Amino acid sequence: MYDIIVMGSINMDVIVNCHHFPSSGDNTFCESIRLAAGGKGNNQAVSAARYGKKVCFLGCIGDDAPGRQLRQNLQERGIDDRWLMVKEGVGTGSCVGLVEPGGENTLLVNLGANFAFGEEEISQRLDSVNGKILLIQMETSKESVLAAVRTARAKGMLIILDPAPVQGINPACFPYADIIVPNSSEARRISGVEVKDERSALAAAKIIHGMGVKNVIVKMGGNGCLLYRNEKSTFFPALKVEAVDTVGAGDCFAGALANYLIDHPDNLDEAIRFSHVVAGIKVSRRGGQDAMPSLDEVNAVLNKGMRTE
């Protein structure tokens, strides 16, 4: 029995730290270029496993060098990779991320093997494995995501859905989710509401709730997040930090949320506070998965009280 099953994308990322975002046709210098393990599913699995939970990853790589490197990275981080599929004739997913000095990022993703599996393969694998929580995004095929949430619901698992990226959003999955965690852009795409503050986040959350999700968490980055459930809302201010790299922050939040809920399934408020600190510390550092904080670092912030101003 796994604590958390993460299904989703796994990519080899090329991260470019820019002095400024280039204009079309520019040939310009940058601060640094590095390779990093990425993909929303991969990042969420690492975050979910970082704090001592038993995690397996369900996804797909190509039969190539980047795929083998990514598989080794999962193993080194204590994530069970036995359910990882390998497809011949298709390349492992990849991504180029441009990170500006203020930490904001622009991503160009080639999904590759992440789109090379479908409904039947996912249903068979999830039928064969047991877990308490399914953590899933929408960076694989729509058929695979829908099959996963349907199977997980039939097995009685708690389902946390990250409706990202925007292009992959499929509202047909929403009624199967116990918790949904859109950011401002995703909430706007789903609800039609421009999310700028607590009031607009609440308006968006009510619409998303009406689409069949019990618990809606609208993330607004440095502006905090809002939880809507049982016709009540709670606002959570963000940990105030100087953001230098926001790549993977939402994935970090989702993985930490699932992790906390394993031990505290009835305390979603504290799970959000925990996840806020994890993501807040991560964006204050350059790097991807290695920038995720340790449990001691997170607890140190929680124990002395979050600085939100």
C-alpha atoms as a PDB file:
ATOM      1  CA  MET A   1       0.000   0.000   0.000  1.00  0.00           C
ATOM      2  CA  TYR A   2       1.400   3.353  -1.063  1.00  0.00           C
ATOM      3  CA  ASP A   3       0.636   6.563   0.748  1.00  0.00           C
ATOM      4  CA  ILE A   4       0.506   8.550  -2.492  1.00  0.00           C
ATOM      5  CA  ILE A   5       0.269   7.533  -6.136  1.00  0.00           C
ATOM      6  CA  VAL A   6       1.315  10.341  -8.459  1.00  0.00           C
ATOM      7  CA  MET A   7       0.328  10.106 -12.101  1.00  0.00           C
ATOM      8  CA  GLY A   8       1.562  12.620 -14.588  1.00  0.00           C
ATOM      9  CA  SER A   9       4.274  14.061 -16.770  1.00  0.00           C
ATOM     10  CA  ILE A  10       8.014  13.579 -16.493  1.00  0.00           C
ATOM     11  CA  ASN A  11      10.392  15.765 -18.507  1.00  0.00           C
ATOM     12  CA  MET A  12      14.022  16.663 -18.896  1.00  0.00           C
ATOM     13  CA  ASP A  13      14.078  20.432 -18.417  1.00  0.00           C
ATOM     14  CA  VAL A  14      16.469  23.026 -19.813  1.00  0.00           C
ATOM     15  CA  ILE A  15      16.281  26.008 -17.438  1.00  0.00           C
ATOM     16  CA  VAL A  16      17.593  29.360 -18.669  1.00  0.00           C
ATOM     17  CA  ASN A  17      18.090  32.163 -16.148  1.00  0.00           C
ATOM     18  CA  CYS A  18      17.667  35.357 -18.187  1.00  0.00           C
ATOM     19  CA  HIS A  19      18.886  38.870 -17.433  1.00  0.00           C
ATOM     20  CA  HIS A  20      15.668  39.949 -19.158  1.00  0.00           C
ATOM     21  CA  PHE A  21      13.042  38.217 -21.258  1.00  0.00           C
ATOM     22  CA  PRO A  22      14.261  38.232 -24.872  1.00  0.00           C
ATOM     23  CA  SER A  23      12.274  39.883 -27.634  1.00  0.00           C
ATOM     24  CA  SER A  24      11.555  38.076 -30.884  1.00  0.00           C
ATOM     25  CA  GLY A  25      14.743  37.794 -32.925  1.00  0.00           C
ATOM     26  CA  ASP A  26      17.069  38.656 -30.028  1.00  0.00           C
ATOM     27  CA  ASN A  27      20.489  37.024 -29.727  1.00  0.00           C
ATOM     28  CA  THR A  28      21.430  37.792 -26.151  1.00  0.00           C
ATOM     29  CA  PHE A  29      23.473  36.575 -23.195  1.00  0.00           C
ATOM     30  CA  CYS A  30      21.900  34.843 -20.209  1.00  0.00           C
ATOM     31  CA  GLU A  31      22.982  34.236 -16.640  1.00  0.00           C
ATOM     32  CA  SER A  32      22.995  30.417 -16.728  1.00  0.00           C
ATOM     33  CA  ILE A  33      21.644  27.310 -18.454  1.00  0.00           C
ATOM     34  CA  ARG A  34      21.168  24.012 -16.618  1.00  0.00           C
ATOM     35  CA  LEU A  35      19.547  20.618 -17.090  1.00  0.00           C
ATOM     36  CA  ALA A  36      17.084  19.478 -14.448  1.00  0.00           C
ATOM     37  CA  ALA A  37      14.569  16.718 -13.855  1.00  0.00           C
ATOM     38  CA  GLY A  38      11.088  18.155 -14.279  1.00  0.00           C
ATOM     39  CA  GLY A  39       7.548  17.670 -15.469  1.00  0.00           C
ATOM     40  CA  LYS A  40       4.601  18.476 -13.252  1.00  0.00           C
ATOM     41  CA  GLY A  41       4.007  14.877 -12.201  1.00  0.00           C
ATOM     42  CA  ASN A  42       7.676  14.226 -11.525  1.00  0.00           C
ATOM     43  CA  ASN A  43       8.022  17.393  -9.423  1.00  0.00           C
ATOM     44  CA  GLN A  44       4.905  16.553  -7.428  1.00  0.00           C
ATOM     45  CA  ALA A  45       6.150  13.040  -6.744  1.00  0.00           C
ATOM     46  CA  VAL A  46       9.452  14.394  -5.414  1.00  0.00           C
ATOM     47  CA  SER A  47       7.634  16.897  -3.194  1.00  0.00           C
ATOM     48  CA  ALA A  48       5.239  14.225  -1.940  1.00  0.00           C
ATOM     49  CA  ALA A  49       8.126  11.879  -1.086  1.00  0.00           C
ATOM     50  CA  ARG A  50      10.398  14.541   0.390  1.00  0.00           C
ATOM     51  CA  TYR A  51       8.847  14.376   3.839  1.00  0.00           C
ATOM     52  CA  GLY A  52       8.869  10.660   4.464  1.00  0.00           C
ATOM     53  CA  LYS A  53       5.887   9.195   2.648  1.00  0.00           C
ATOM     54  CA  LYS A  54       5.755   6.068   0.464  1.00  0.00           C
ATOM     55  CA  VAL A  55       5.221   7.281  -3.094  1.00  0.00           C
ATOM     56  CA  CYS A  56       5.054   5.631  -6.503  1.00  0.00           C
ATOM     57  CA  PHE A  57       5.082   7.393  -9.848  1.00  0.00           C
ATOM     58  CA  LEU A  58       2.939   6.415 -12.826  1.00  0.00           C
ATOM     59  CA  GLY A  59       3.995   7.953 -16.106  1.00  0.00           C
ATOM     60  CA  CYS A  60       5.912   7.317 -19.314  1.00  0.00           C
ATOM     61  CA  ILE A  61       9.401   7.909 -20.694  1.00  0.00           C
ATOM     62  CA  GLY A  62      11.074   7.132 -23.990  1.00  0.00           C
ATOM     63  CA  ASP A  63      13.762   4.513 -24.423  1.00  0.00           C
ATOM     64  CA  ASP A  64      16.511   7.135 -24.440  1.00  0.00           C
ATOM     65  CA  ALA A  65      19.231   8.706 -22.302  1.00  0.00           C
ATOM     66  CA  PRO A  66      17.033  11.453 -20.772  1.00  0.00           C
ATOM     67  CA  GLY A  67      14.463   8.828 -19.789  1.00  0.00           C
ATOM     68  CA  ARG A  68      17.087   6.693 -18.083  1.00  0.00           C
ATOM     69  CA  GLN A  69      18.414   9.722 -16.209  1.00  0.00           C
ATOM     70  CA  LEU A  70      14.929  10.627 -15.044  1.00  0.00           C
ATOM     71  CA  ARG A  71      14.262   7.058 -13.878  1.00  0.00           C
ATOM     72  CA  GLN A  72      17.499   7.101 -11.890  1.00  0.00           C
ATOM     73  CA  ASN A  73      16.480  10.411 -10.316  1.00  0.00           C
ATOM     74  CA  LEU A  74      13.188   8.883  -9.125  1.00  0.00           C
ATOM     75  CA  GLN A  75      15.053   5.962  -7.584  1.00  0.00           C
ATOM     76  CA  GLU A  76      17.576   8.211  -5.844  1.00  0.00           C
ATOM     77  CA  ARG A  77      14.729  10.194  -4.286  1.00  0.00           C
ATOM     78  CA  GLY A  78      13.047   7.094  -2.874  1.00  0.00           C
ATOM     79  CA  ILE A  79      10.145   7.001  -5.336  1.00  0.00           C
ATOM     80  CA  ASP A  80       8.991   3.603  -6.592  1.00  0.00           C
ATOM     81  CA  ASP A  81       9.440   3.550 -10.370  1.00  0.00           C
ATOM     82  CA  ARG A  82       8.098   0.065 -11.117  1.00  0.00           C
ATOM     83  CA  TRP A  83       4.924   1.521 -12.672  1.00  0.00           C
ATOM     84  CA  LEU A  84       6.863   3.818 -15.009  1.00  0.00           C
ATOM     85  CA  MET A  85       6.208   2.885 -18.651  1.00  0.00           C
ATOM     86  CA  VAL A  86       8.911   2.949 -21.339  1.00  0.00           C
ATOM     87  CA  LYS A  87       7.861   3.503 -24.958  1.00  0.00           C
ATOM     88  CA  GLU A  88      10.076   2.820 -27.957  1.00  0.00           C
ATOM     89  CA  GLY A  89       9.959   5.164 -30.903  1.00  0.00           C
ATOM     90  CA  VAL A  90       8.978   8.229 -28.893  1.00  0.00           C
ATOM     91  CA  GLY A  91      11.205  10.693 -27.067  1.00  0.00           C
ATOM     92  CA  THR A  92      11.078  11.474 -23.362  1.00  0.00           C
ATOM     93  CA  GLY A  93       9.214  14.717 -22.643  1.00  0.00           C
ATOM     94  CA  SER A  94      11.250  17.905 -22.484  1.00  0.00           C
ATOM     95  CA  CYS A  95      10.827  21.529 -21.521  1.00  0.00           C
ATOM     96  CA  VAL A  96      12.647  24.833 -21.930  1.00  0.00           C
ATOM     97  CA  GLY A  97      12.029  27.238 -19.067  1.00  0.00           C
ATOM     98  CA  LEU A  98      12.991  30.923 -19.212  1.00  0.00           C
ATOM     99  CA  VAL A  99      13.325  32.433 -15.725  1.00  0.00           C
ATOM    100  CA  GLU A 100      13.400  36.213 -15.337  1.00  0.00           C
ATOM    101  CA  PRO A 101      15.242  38.047 -12.503  1.00  0.00           C
ATOM    102  CA  GLY A 102      12.030  38.427 -10.472  1.00  0.00           C
ATOM    103  CA  GLY A 103      11.469  34.668 -10.552  1.00  0.00           C
ATOM    104  CA  GLU A 104       8.627  34.583 -13.093  1.00  0.00           C
ATOM    105  CA  ASN A 105       8.931  31.841 -15.684  1.00  0.00           C
ATOM    106  CA  THR A 106       7.853  31.078 -19.232  1.00  0.00           C
ATOM    107  CA  LEU A 107       7.755  27.403 -20.244  1.00  0.00           C
ATOM    108  CA  LEU A 108       7.842  25.700 -23.637  1.00  0.00           C
ATOM    109  CA  VAL A 109       6.952  22.012 -23.298  1.00  0.00           C
ATOM    110  CA  ASN A 110       7.368  19.097 -25.697  1.00  0.00           C
ATOM    111  CA  LEU A 111       5.147  16.396 -24.181  1.00  0.00           C
ATOM    112  CA  GLY A 112       6.701  13.473 -26.067  1.00  0.00           C
ATOM    113  CA  ALA A 113       6.178  10.207 -24.173  1.00  0.00           C
ATOM    114  CA  ASN A 114       3.779  11.892 -21.767  1.00  0.00           C
ATOM    115  CA  PHE A 115       1.114  11.594 -24.479  1.00  0.00           C
ATOM    116  CA  ALA A 116       2.067   8.060 -25.492  1.00  0.00           C
ATOM    117  CA  PHE A 117      -0.235   6.188 -23.127  1.00  0.00           C
ATOM    118  CA  GLY A 118      -3.975   6.108 -22.742  1.00  0.00           C
ATOM    119  CA  GLU A 119      -7.042   4.906 -20.922  1.00  0.00           C
ATOM    120  CA  GLU A 120      -6.502   1.140 -20.935  1.00  0.00           C
ATOM    121  CA  GLU A 121      -2.894   1.232 -19.750  1.00  0.00           C
ATOM    122  CA  ILE A 122      -3.725   3.546 -16.852  1.00  0.00           C
ATOM    123  CA  SER A 123      -6.814   1.604 -15.773  1.00  0.00           C
ATOM    124  CA  GLN A 124      -4.869  -1.669 -15.729  1.00  0.00           C
ATOM    125  CA  ARG A 125      -2.023  -0.238 -13.685  1.00  0.00           C
ATOM    126  CA  LEU A 126      -4.190   1.545 -11.148  1.00  0.00           C
ATOM    127  CA  ASP A 127      -6.292  -1.599 -10.754  1.00  0.00           C
ATOM    128  CA  SER A 128      -3.086  -3.399  -9.779  1.00  0.00           C
ATOM    129  CA  VAL A 129      -1.781  -0.918  -7.199  1.00  0.00           C
ATOM    130  CA  ASN A 130      -3.246   0.434  -3.969  1.00  0.00           C
ATOM    131  CA  GLY A 131      -2.769   3.854  -2.457  1.00  0.00           C
ATOM    132  CA  LYS A 132      -4.463   6.300  -0.125  1.00  0.00           C
ATOM    133  CA  ILE A 133      -4.184   9.425  -2.295  1.00  0.00           C
ATOM    134  CA  LEU A 134      -4.055   9.936  -6.046  1.00  0.00           C
ATOM    135  CA  LEU A 135      -2.261  13.164  -6.944  1.00  0.00           C
ATOM    136  CA  ILE A 136      -2.746  14.019 -10.604  1.00  0.00           C
ATOM    137  CA  GLN A 137      -2.384  16.879 -13.097  1.00  0.00           C
ATOM    138  CA  MET A 138      -3.456  17.326 -16.716  1.00  0.00           C
ATOM    139  CA  GLU A 139      -0.125  17.186 -18.546  1.00  0.00           C
ATOM    140  CA  THR A 140      -0.832  13.762 -20.073  1.00  0.00           C
ATOM    141  CA  SER A 141      -3.632  12.777 -22.462  1.00  0.00           C
ATOM    142  CA  LYS A 142      -7.196  13.638 -21.459  1.00  0.00           C
ATOM    143  CA  GLU A 143      -8.148   9.974 -21.794  1.00  0.00           C
ATOM    144  CA  SER A 144      -5.434   8.885 -19.352  1.00  0.00           C
ATOM    145  CA  VAL A 145      -6.369  11.500 -16.752  1.00  0.00           C
ATOM    146  CA  LEU A 146     -10.076  10.678 -16.902  1.00  0.00           C
ATOM    147  CA  ALA A 147      -9.344   6.942 -16.649  1.00  0.00           C
ATOM    148  CA  ALA A 148      -7.123   7.550 -13.620  1.00  0.00           C
ATOM    149  CA  VAL A 149      -9.634   9.600 -11.634  1.00  0.00           C
ATOM    150  CA  ARG A 150     -12.454   7.192 -12.447  1.00  0.00           C
ATOM    151  CA  THR A 151     -10.399   4.207 -11.324  1.00  0.00           C
ATOM    152  CA  ALA A 152      -9.175   5.964  -8.190  1.00  0.00           C
ATOM    153  CA  ARG A 153     -12.737   6.947  -7.269  1.00  0.00           C
ATOM    154  CA  ALA A 154     -13.876   3.333  -7.656  1.00  0.00           C
ATOM    155  CA  LYS A 155     -11.043   2.281  -5.331  1.00  0.00           C
ATOM    156  CA  GLY A 156     -12.063   4.842  -2.698  1.00  0.00           C
ATOM    157  CA  MET A 157      -8.894   6.943  -2.932  1.00  0.00           C
ATOM    158  CA  LEU A 158      -8.706  10.635  -2.026  1.00  0.00           C
ATOM    159  CA  ILE A 159      -8.120  12.501  -5.297  1.00  0.00           C
ATOM    160  CA  ILE A 160      -6.166  15.758  -5.472  1.00  0.00           C
ATOM    161  CA  LEU A 161      -6.384  17.328  -8.937  1.00  0.00           C
ATOM    162  CA  ASP A 162      -4.040  20.030 -10.164  1.00  0.00           C
ATOM    163  CA  PRO A 163      -5.818  21.365 -13.297  1.00  0.00           C
ATOM    164  CA  ALA A 164      -2.606  22.287 -15.091  1.00  0.00           C
ATOM    165  CA  PRO A 165      -1.421  23.195 -17.594  1.00  0.00           C
ATOM    166  CA  VAL A 166      -4.187  25.415 -18.916  1.00  0.00           C
ATOM    167  CA  GLN A 167      -4.230  23.659 -22.305  1.00  0.00           C
ATOM    168  CA  GLY A 168      -4.959  20.296 -20.661  1.00  0.00           C
ATOM    169  CA  ILE A 169      -7.945  21.307 -18.536  1.00  0.00           C
ATOM    170  CA  ASN A 170     -10.845  18.853 -18.841  1.00  0.00           C
ATOM    171  CA  PRO A 171     -13.889  19.707 -16.667  1.00  0.00           C
ATOM    172  CA  ALA A 172     -15.176  16.134 -17.082  1.00  0.00           C
ATOM    173  CA  CYS A 173     -12.622  15.140 -14.426  1.00  0.00           C
ATOM    174  CA  PHE A 174     -13.798  17.646 -11.824  1.00  0.00           C
ATOM    175  CA  PRO A 175     -16.640  15.635 -10.230  1.00  0.00           C
ATOM    176  CA  TYR A 176     -14.164  12.862  -9.383  1.00  0.00           C
ATOM    177  CA  ALA A 177     -11.830  15.192  -7.471  1.00  0.00           C
ATOM    178  CA  ASP A 178     -12.012  15.711  -3.707  1.00  0.00           C
ATOM    179  CA  ILE A 179      -9.635  18.686  -3.849  1.00  0.00           C
ATOM    180  CA  ILE A 180      -8.699  20.900  -6.778  1.00  0.00           C
ATOM    181  CA  VAL A 181      -5.755  23.343  -6.692  1.00  0.00           C
ATOM    182  CA  PRO A 182      -5.836  25.768  -9.659  1.00  0.00           C
ATOM    183  CA  ASN A 183      -3.604  28.821  -9.809  1.00  0.00           C
ATOM    184  CA  SER A 184      -4.942  32.202 -10.897  1.00  0.00           C
ATOM    185  CA  SER A 185      -4.564  31.511 -14.620  1.00  0.00           C
ATOM    186  CA  GLU A 186      -6.194  28.096 -14.405  1.00  0.00           C
ATOM    187  CA  ALA A 187      -9.009  29.417 -12.233  1.00  0.00           C
ATOM    188  CA  ARG A 188      -9.659  32.124 -14.813  1.00  0.00           C
ATOM    189  CA  ARG A 189      -9.722  29.572 -17.652  1.00  0.00           C
ATOM    190  CA  ILE A 190     -12.173  27.346 -15.776  1.00  0.00           C
ATOM    191  CA  SER A 191     -14.462  29.994 -14.279  1.00  0.00           C
ATOM    192  CA  GLY A 192     -14.138  32.995 -16.573  1.00  0.00           C
ATOM    193  CA  VAL A 193     -13.287  35.173 -13.529  1.00  0.00           C
ATOM    194  CA  GLU A 194     -10.106  37.266 -13.531  1.00  0.00           C
ATOM    195  CA  VAL A 195      -8.475  36.267 -10.227  1.00  0.00           C
ATOM    196  CA  LYS A 196      -6.653  39.200  -8.648  1.00  0.00           C
ATOM    197  CA  ASP A 197      -7.515  39.150  -4.948  1.00  0.00           C
ATOM    198  CA  GLU A 198      -9.484  37.355  -2.248  1.00  0.00           C
ATOM    199  CA  ARG A 199     -12.846  38.561  -3.530  1.00  0.00           C
ATOM    200  CA  SER A 200     -12.309  37.459  -7.133  1.00  0.00           C
ATOM    201  CA  ALA A 201     -10.743  34.184  -5.958  1.00  0.00           C
ATOM    202  CA  LEU A 202     -13.915  33.461  -4.000  1.00  0.00           C
ATOM    203  CA  ALA A 203     -16.085  34.193  -7.039  1.00  0.00           C
ATOM    204  CA  ALA A 204     -14.005  31.794  -9.137  1.00  0.00           C
ATOM    205  CA  ALA A 205     -13.973  29.147  -6.411  1.00  0.00           C
ATOM    206  CA  LYS A 206     -17.767  29.158  -6.147  1.00  0.00           C
ATOM    207  CA  ILE A 207     -18.089  28.516  -9.882  1.00  0.00           C
ATOM    208  CA  ILE A 208     -15.543  25.685  -9.761  1.00  0.00           C
ATOM    209  CA  HIS A 209     -17.280  24.210  -6.717  1.00  0.00           C
ATOM    210  CA  GLY A 210     -20.494  24.241  -8.733  1.00  0.00           C
ATOM    211  CA  MET A 211     -18.783  22.039 -11.326  1.00  0.00           C
ATOM    212  CA  GLY A 212     -18.595  19.196  -8.823  1.00  0.00           C
ATOM    213  CA  VAL A 213     -15.511  19.687  -6.616  1.00  0.00           C
ATOM    214  CA  LYS A 214     -16.011  19.679  -2.825  1.00  0.00           C
ATOM    215  CA  ASN A 215     -12.850  21.555  -1.850  1.00  0.00           C
ATOM    216  CA  VAL A 216     -11.443  24.321  -4.041  1.00  0.00           C
ATOM    217  CA  ILE A 217      -8.046  25.895  -3.316  1.00  0.00           C
ATOM    218  CA  VAL A 218      -7.284  28.890  -5.545  1.00  0.00           C
ATOM    219  CA  LYS A 219      -3.568  29.706  -5.473  1.00  0.00           C
ATOM    220  CA  MET A 220      -2.471  33.291  -6.074  1.00  0.00           C
ATOM    221  CA  GLY A 221       1.294  32.975  -5.658  1.00  0.00           C
ATOM    222  CA  GLY A 222       2.667  35.708  -3.435  1.00  0.00           C
ATOM    223  CA  ASN A 223      -0.884  36.937  -2.783  1.00  0.00           C
ATOM    224  CA  GLY A 224      -1.816  33.809  -0.833  1.00  0.00           C
ATOM    225  CA  CYS A 225      -4.596  31.359  -1.545  1.00  0.00           C
ATOM    226  CA  LEU A 226      -8.261  30.795  -0.782  1.00  0.00           C
ATOM    227  CA  LEU A 227     -10.041  27.626   0.318  1.00  0.00           C
ATOM    228  CA  TYR A 228     -13.748  27.267  -0.447  1.00  0.00           C
ATOM    229  CA  ARG A 229     -15.738  24.367   1.027  1.00  0.00           C
ATOM    230  CA  ASN A 230     -19.119  23.852   2.655  1.00  0.00           C
ATOM    231  CA  GLU A 231     -20.200  27.305   1.435  1.00  0.00           C
ATOM    232  CA  LYS A 232     -17.462  28.940   3.532  1.00  0.00           C
ATOM    233  CA  SER A 233     -14.142  30.450   2.516  1.00  0.00           C
ATOM    234  CA  THR A 234     -10.821  30.841   4.315  1.00  0.00           C
ATOM    235  CA  PHE A 235      -7.994  33.054   3.106  1.00  0.00           C
ATOM    236  CA  PHE A 236      -4.365  32.068   3.717  1.00  0.00           C
ATOM    237  CA  PRO A 237      -1.677  34.727   3.304  1.00  0.00           C
ATOM    238  CA  ALA A 238       1.510  33.579   1.590  1.00  0.00           C
ATOM    239  CA  LEU A 239       4.899  33.315   3.208  1.00  0.00           C
ATOM    240  CA  LYS A 240       6.661  36.561   2.305  1.00  0.00           C
ATOM    241  CA  VAL A 241       9.942  35.883   0.548  1.00  0.00           C
ATOM    242  CA  GLU A 242      11.994  37.354  -2.256  1.00  0.00           C
ATOM    243  CA  ALA A 243      11.094  35.128  -5.186  1.00  0.00           C
ATOM    244  CA  VAL A 244      13.996  34.244  -7.473  1.00  0.00           C
ATOM    245  CA  ASP A 245      12.696  31.114  -9.241  1.00  0.00           C
ATOM    246  CA  THR A 246       9.022  30.128  -9.384  1.00  0.00           C
ATOM    247  CA  VAL A 247       9.503  27.072 -11.645  1.00  0.00           C
ATOM    248  CA  GLY A 248       7.739  24.134 -10.001  1.00  0.00           C
ATOM    249  CA  ALA A 249       6.268  26.135  -7.100  1.00  0.00           C
ATOM    250  CA  GLY A 250       2.738  24.897  -7.743  1.00  0.00           C
ATOM    251  CA  ASP A 251       3.973  21.321  -8.026  1.00  0.00           C
ATOM    252  CA  CYS A 252       5.832  21.720  -4.758  1.00  0.00           C
ATOM    253  CA  PHE A 253       2.617  22.963  -3.113  1.00  0.00           C
ATOM    254  CA  ALA A 254       0.513  20.062  -4.434  1.00  0.00           C
ATOM    255  CA  GLY A 255       2.997  17.391  -3.361  1.00  0.00           C
ATOM    256  CA  ALA A 256       3.355  18.872   0.098  1.00  0.00           C
ATOM    257  CA  LEU A 257      -0.433  19.074   0.445  1.00  0.00           C
ATOM    258  CA  ALA A 258      -0.822  15.364  -0.313  1.00  0.00           C
ATOM    259  CA  ASN A 259       2.035  14.542   2.048  1.00  0.00           C
ATOM    260  CA  TYR A 260       0.502  16.409   4.990  1.00  0.00           C
ATOM    261  CA  LEU A 261      -2.960  14.941   4.444  1.00  0.00           C
ATOM    262  CA  ILE A 262      -1.662  11.381   4.847  1.00  0.00           C
ATOM    263  CA  ASP A 263      -1.102  11.976   8.567  1.00  0.00           C
ATOM    264  CA  HIS A 264      -3.800  14.642   9.019  1.00  0.00           C
ATOM    265  CA  PRO A 265      -6.651  13.758   6.638  1.00  0.00           C
ATOM    266  CA  ASP A 266      -9.174  15.996   8.410  1.00  0.00           C
ATOM    267  CA  ASN A 267      -7.024  19.115   8.675  1.00  0.00           C
ATOM    268  CA  LEU A 268      -7.000  20.746   5.259  1.00  0.00           C
ATOM    269  CA  ASP A 269      -6.336  24.198   6.764  1.00  0.00           C
ATOM    270  CA  GLU A 270      -3.036  23.127   8.324  1.00  0.00           C
ATOM    271  CA  ALA A 271      -2.148  21.193   5.179  1.00  0.00           C
ATOM    272  CA  ILE A 272      -2.454  24.437   3.210  1.00  0.00           C
ATOM    273  CA  ARG A 273      -0.283  26.325   5.703  1.00  0.00           C
ATOM    274  CA  PHE A 274       2.351  23.587   5.508  1.00  0.00           C
ATOM    275  CA  SER A 275       2.281  23.644   1.708  1.00  0.00           C
ATOM    276  CA  HIS A 276       2.517  27.433   1.615  1.00  0.00           C
ATOM    277  CA  VAL A 277       5.744  27.311   3.598  1.00  0.00           C
ATOM    278  CA  VAL A 278       7.204  24.548   1.418  1.00  0.00           C
ATOM    279  CA  ALA A 279       6.445  26.469  -1.786  1.00  0.00           C
ATOM    280  CA  GLY A 280       7.503  29.797  -0.277  1.00  0.00           C
ATOM    281  CA  ILE A 281      10.944  28.545   0.697  1.00  0.00           C
ATOM    282  CA  LYS A 282      11.354  26.855  -2.681  1.00  0.00           C
ATOM    283  CA  VAL A 283      10.739  30.038  -4.712  1.00  0.00           C
ATOM    284  CA  SER A 284      13.291  31.917  -2.615  1.00  0.00           C
ATOM    285  CA  ARG A 285      16.017  29.647  -4.068  1.00  0.00           C
ATOM    286  CA  ARG A 286      17.292  28.971  -7.537  1.00  0.00           C
ATOM    287  CA  GLY A 287      16.878  25.421  -8.751  1.00  0.00           C
ATOM    288  CA  GLY A 288      14.256  22.771  -9.162  1.00  0.00           C
ATOM    289  CA  GLN A 289      13.769  19.683  -7.057  1.00  0.00           C
ATOM    290  CA  ASP A 290      16.958  20.253  -5.054  1.00  0.00           C
ATOM    291  CA  ALA A 291      15.593  23.645  -3.965  1.00  0.00           C
ATOM    292  CA  MET A 292      12.705  22.024  -2.091  1.00  0.00           C
ATOM    293  CA  PRO A 293      13.213  22.591   1.651  1.00  0.00           C
ATOM    294  CA  SER A 294      13.819  19.933   4.270  1.00  0.00           C
ATOM    295  CA  LEU A 295      11.192  19.107   6.870  1.00  0.00           C
ATOM    296  CA  ASP A 296      13.331  20.772   9.552  1.00  0.00           C
ATOM    297  CA  GLU A 297      13.375  24.005   7.535  1.00  0.00           C
ATOM    298  CA  VAL A 298       9.613  23.936   7.077  1.00  0.00           C
ATOM    299  CA  ASN A 299       8.937  23.201  10.749  1.00  0.00           C
ATOM    300  CA  ALA A 300      11.293  25.980  11.825  1.00  0.00           C
ATOM    301  CA  VAL A 301       9.154  28.502   9.932  1.00  0.00           C
ATOM    302  CA  LEU A 302       5.876  27.036  11.178  1.00  0.00           C
ATOM    303  CA  ASN A 303       7.050  26.889  14.795  1.00  0.00           C
ATOM    304  CA  LYS A 304       8.074  30.539  14.917  1.00  0.00           C
ATOM    305  CA  GLY A 305       5.063  31.726  12.931  1.00  0.00           C
ATOM    306  CA  MET A 306       4.891  32.537   9.235  1.00  0.00           C
ATOM    307  CA  ARG A 307       5.993  36.002   8.197  1.00  0.00           C
ATOM    308  CA  THR A 308       3.215  37.186   5.928  1.00  0.00           C
ATOM    309  CA  GLU A 309       3.941  40.889   5.793  1.00  0.00           C
END
